[in-house]
Amino acid sequence: MLPFKKGPFYLAMQAGAPCIPVSIMDGKDSRERQPEMHPGAAYVVFHPPIDPTQFVTREELMHAVRQAIASGLPEWMRN
């Protein structure tokens, strides 16, 4: 997983809007990234909403969302 941008978490905290973590992976067990599109299956996991008002800092909220997304991915995709 790549680092998150901070802007969406700032907006969520300011608005009090819940963050809905989503894990997306393809059906292949491939570690290399391919720039072109190929037909195939994708697996999507919608995690429970995370209430930003339960966190003091934006970094804590980002960490909670990252953990939720990582929990829906295979180990090799979490790094």
N, C-alpha and C. Protein backbone atom coordinates (compact mmCIF):
# COMPACT_ATOMS: atom_id res chain seq x y z
N MET A 1 0.84 -1.18 0.00
CA MET A 1 0.00 0.00 0.00
C MET A 1 0.89 1.25 0.00
N LEU A 2 0.49 2.19 -0.78
CA LEU A 2 1.22 3.45 -0.85
C LEU A 2 0.76 4.37 0.29
N PRO A 3 1.55 5.40 0.60
CA PRO A 3 1.14 6.34 1.65
C PRO A 3 -0.14 7.07 1.26
N PHE A 4 -0.93 7.43 2.25
CA PHE A 4 -2.17 8.16 2.02
C PHE A 4 -1.89 9.66 1.91
N LYS A 5 -2.72 10.37 1.18
CA LYS A 5 -2.73 11.82 1.18
C LYS A 5 -3.49 12.28 2.41
N LYS A 6 -3.12 13.40 2.98
CA LYS A 6 -3.72 13.85 4.23
C LYS A 6 -5.04 14.62 4.03
N GLY A 7 -5.23 15.20 2.86
CA GLY A 7 -6.39 16.05 2.60
C GLY A 7 -7.74 15.42 2.90
N PRO A 8 -8.02 14.21 2.42
CA PRO A 8 -9.32 13.61 2.68
C PRO A 8 -9.60 13.40 4.18
N PHE A 9 -8.56 13.13 4.93
CA PHE A 9 -8.74 12.91 6.37
C PHE A 9 -8.97 14.23 7.09
N TYR A 10 -8.33 15.28 6.60
CA TYR A 10 -8.58 16.62 7.14
C TYR A 10 -10.04 17.00 6.90
N LEU A 11 -10.52 16.77 5.68
CA LEU A 11 -11.91 17.09 5.35
C LEU A 11 -12.90 16.26 6.18
N ALA A 12 -12.60 14.98 6.36
CA ALA A 12 -13.48 14.11 7.14
C ALA A 12 -13.57 14.59 8.58
N MET A 13 -12.44 15.00 9.15
CA MET A 13 -12.45 15.47 10.54
C MET A 13 -13.19 16.80 10.66
N GLN A 14 -13.00 17.68 9.69
CA GLN A 14 -13.68 18.98 9.72
C GLN A 14 -15.19 18.83 9.56
N ALA A 15 -15.60 17.91 8.70
CA ALA A 15 -17.02 17.73 8.41
C ALA A 15 -17.69 16.74 9.36
N GLY A 16 -16.88 15.93 10.05
CA GLY A 16 -17.44 14.89 10.90
C GLY A 16 -18.04 13.75 10.09
N ALA A 17 -17.63 13.66 8.82
CA ALA A 17 -18.16 12.63 7.92
C ALA A 17 -17.40 11.33 8.12
N PRO A 18 -18.10 10.19 8.17
CA PRO A 18 -17.41 8.92 8.36
C PRO A 18 -16.53 8.55 7.17
N CYS A 19 -15.46 7.84 7.46
CA CYS A 19 -14.58 7.29 6.42
C CYS A 19 -14.97 5.84 6.23
N ILE A 20 -15.15 5.43 4.99
CA ILE A 20 -15.51 4.04 4.70
C ILE A 20 -14.32 3.40 4.00
N PRO A 21 -13.54 2.60 4.73
CA PRO A 21 -12.39 1.95 4.13
C PRO A 21 -12.83 0.88 3.11
N VAL A 22 -12.11 0.83 2.00
CA VAL A 22 -12.41 -0.14 0.95
C VAL A 22 -11.11 -0.82 0.53
N SER A 23 -11.09 -2.15 0.59
CA SER A 23 -9.94 -2.93 0.12
C SER A 23 -10.28 -3.45 -1.26
N ILE A 24 -9.38 -3.23 -2.22
CA ILE A 24 -9.59 -3.68 -3.60
C ILE A 24 -8.37 -4.48 -4.03
N MET A 25 -8.62 -5.66 -4.56
CA MET A 25 -7.52 -6.47 -5.10
C MET A 25 -8.01 -7.23 -6.32
N ASP A 26 -7.06 -7.57 -7.18
CA ASP A 26 -7.45 -8.36 -8.35
C ASP A 26 -7.38 -9.84 -8.01
N GLY A 27 -7.80 -10.65 -8.93
CA GLY A 27 -7.84 -12.08 -8.69
C GLY A 27 -6.53 -12.78 -8.90
N LYS A 28 -5.51 -12.05 -9.34
CA LYS A 28 -4.21 -12.65 -9.61
C LYS A 28 -3.34 -12.60 -8.35
N ASP A 29 -2.45 -13.56 -8.23
CA ASP A 29 -1.48 -13.53 -7.14
C ASP A 29 -0.15 -13.05 -7.72
N SER A 30 -0.19 -11.87 -8.29
CA SER A 30 0.99 -11.30 -8.94
C SER A 30 1.47 -10.08 -8.17
N ARG A 31 2.78 -9.98 -7.99
CA ARG A 31 3.32 -8.86 -7.25
C ARG A 31 3.79 -7.74 -8.17
N GLU A 32 3.82 -7.96 -9.44
CA GLU A 32 4.28 -6.91 -10.33
C GLU A 32 3.09 -6.08 -10.83
N ARG A 33 3.34 -4.81 -10.95
CA ARG A 33 2.29 -3.90 -11.42
C ARG A 33 2.31 -3.86 -12.94
N GLN A 34 1.12 -3.91 -13.52
CA GLN A 34 1.02 -3.85 -14.97
C GLN A 34 0.29 -2.58 -15.35
N PRO A 35 0.92 -1.73 -16.18
CA PRO A 35 0.29 -0.46 -16.51
C PRO A 35 -0.94 -0.59 -17.41
N GLU A 36 -1.04 -1.66 -18.16
CA GLU A 36 -2.20 -1.81 -19.05
C GLU A 36 -3.35 -2.53 -18.35
N MET A 37 -4.53 -2.33 -18.84
CA MET A 37 -5.73 -2.94 -18.26
C MET A 37 -5.95 -4.31 -18.90
N HIS A 38 -6.39 -5.26 -18.09
CA HIS A 38 -6.72 -6.60 -18.55
C HIS A 38 -8.06 -7.00 -17.96
N PRO A 39 -8.88 -7.72 -18.72
CA PRO A 39 -10.14 -8.18 -18.15
C PRO A 39 -9.89 -9.21 -17.05
N GLY A 40 -10.76 -9.25 -16.09
CA GLY A 40 -10.63 -10.22 -15.02
C GLY A 40 -11.49 -9.83 -13.84
N ALA A 41 -11.39 -10.61 -12.80
CA ALA A 41 -12.19 -10.38 -11.60
C ALA A 41 -11.43 -9.49 -10.63
N ALA A 42 -12.19 -8.69 -9.89
CA ALA A 42 -11.64 -7.87 -8.81
C ALA A 42 -12.45 -8.16 -7.57
N TYR A 43 -11.79 -8.14 -6.44
CA TYR A 43 -12.46 -8.39 -5.17
C TYR A 43 -12.47 -7.10 -4.37
N VAL A 44 -13.64 -6.72 -3.90
CA VAL A 44 -13.82 -5.47 -3.17
C VAL A 44 -14.41 -5.79 -1.80
N VAL A 45 -13.79 -5.25 -0.75
CA VAL A 45 -14.29 -5.43 0.61
C VAL A 45 -14.60 -4.05 1.17
N PHE A 46 -15.86 -3.81 1.53
CA PHE A 46 -16.26 -2.58 2.19
C PHE A 46 -16.23 -2.83 3.70
N HIS A 47 -15.45 -2.06 4.40
CA HIS A 47 -15.31 -2.21 5.85
C HIS A 47 -16.30 -1.28 6.56
N PRO A 48 -16.56 -1.52 7.83
CA PRO A 48 -17.48 -0.64 8.58
C PRO A 48 -16.97 0.80 8.59
N PRO A 49 -17.87 1.77 8.60
CA PRO A 49 -17.46 3.18 8.64
C PRO A 49 -16.65 3.48 9.90
N ILE A 50 -15.72 4.41 9.75
CA ILE A 50 -14.91 4.86 10.88
C ILE A 50 -15.29 6.31 11.17
N ASP A 51 -15.70 6.57 12.39
CA ASP A 51 -16.14 7.90 12.81
C ASP A 51 -14.93 8.76 13.16
N PRO A 52 -14.68 9.84 12.40
CA PRO A 52 -13.50 10.66 12.67
C PRO A 52 -13.56 11.43 13.99
N THR A 53 -14.75 11.58 14.54
CA THR A 53 -14.86 12.30 15.81
C THR A 53 -14.29 11.50 16.98
N GLN A 54 -13.99 10.23 16.75
CA GLN A 54 -13.42 9.38 17.80
C GLN A 54 -11.89 9.49 17.88
N PHE A 55 -11.29 10.34 17.03
CA PHE A 55 -9.84 10.47 16.97
C PHE A 55 -9.43 11.91 17.26
N VAL A 56 -8.31 12.06 17.93
CA VAL A 56 -7.82 13.39 18.30
C VAL A 56 -7.06 14.02 17.13
N THR A 57 -6.27 13.21 16.43
CA THR A 57 -5.45 13.75 15.34
C THR A 57 -5.79 13.07 14.01
N ARG A 58 -5.43 13.76 12.96
CA ARG A 58 -5.63 13.23 11.61
C ARG A 58 -4.78 11.98 11.40
N GLU A 59 -3.59 11.95 12.00
CA GLU A 59 -2.71 10.79 11.86
C GLU A 59 -3.31 9.54 12.49
N GLU A 60 -4.00 9.70 13.62
CA GLU A 60 -4.67 8.56 14.25
C GLU A 60 -5.78 8.02 13.36
N LEU A 61 -6.54 8.93 12.74
CA LEU A 61 -7.61 8.52 11.82
C LEU A 61 -7.01 7.80 10.62
N MET A 62 -5.94 8.35 10.05
CA MET A 62 -5.29 7.72 8.89
C MET A 62 -4.80 6.32 9.25
N HIS A 63 -4.24 6.17 10.44
CA HIS A 63 -3.75 4.86 10.88
C HIS A 63 -4.89 3.85 11.00
N ALA A 64 -6.01 4.28 11.55
CA ALA A 64 -7.16 3.38 11.71
C ALA A 64 -7.71 2.95 10.35
N VAL A 65 -7.79 3.87 9.42
CA VAL A 65 -8.29 3.55 8.07
C VAL A 65 -7.31 2.62 7.37
N ARG A 66 -6.02 2.89 7.50
CA ARG A 66 -5.00 2.03 6.89
C ARG A 66 -5.08 0.62 7.43
N GLN A 67 -5.24 0.47 8.74
CA GLN A 67 -5.36 -0.86 9.34
C GLN A 67 -6.60 -1.59 8.82
N ALA A 68 -7.71 -0.88 8.68
CA ALA A 68 -8.92 -1.50 8.18
C ALA A 68 -8.73 -1.99 6.75
N ILE A 69 -8.14 -1.15 5.90
CA ILE A 69 -7.92 -1.54 4.51
C ILE A 69 -6.96 -2.73 4.44
N ALA A 70 -5.88 -2.68 5.21
CA ALA A 70 -4.90 -3.77 5.20
C ALA A 70 -5.51 -5.09 5.66
N SER A 71 -6.48 -5.03 6.57
CA SER A 71 -7.08 -6.27 7.06
C SER A 71 -7.83 -7.03 5.97
N GLY A 72 -8.20 -6.35 4.89
CA GLY A 72 -8.91 -7.01 3.80
C GLY A 72 -8.01 -7.42 2.65
N LEU A 73 -6.70 -7.27 2.82
CA LEU A 73 -5.75 -7.60 1.75
C LEU A 73 -4.86 -8.77 2.16
N PRO A 74 -4.33 -9.50 1.17
CA PRO A 74 -3.36 -10.54 1.50
C PRO A 74 -2.08 -9.90 2.05
N GLU A 75 -1.32 -10.66 2.80
CA GLU A 75 -0.11 -10.15 3.46
C GLU A 75 0.84 -9.43 2.51
N TRP A 76 1.06 -9.98 1.33
CA TRP A 76 2.05 -9.40 0.41
C TRP A 76 1.62 -8.03 -0.12
N MET A 77 0.35 -7.71 -0.05
CA MET A 77 -0.12 -6.40 -0.52
C MET A 77 -0.12 -5.34 0.56
N ARG A 78 0.13 -5.71 1.79
CA ARG A 78 0.05 -4.76 2.90
C ARG A 78 1.26 -3.86 3.02
N ASN A 79 2.37 -4.21 2.42
CA ASN A 79 3.59 -3.41 2.57
C ASN A 79 3.71 -2.35 1.54
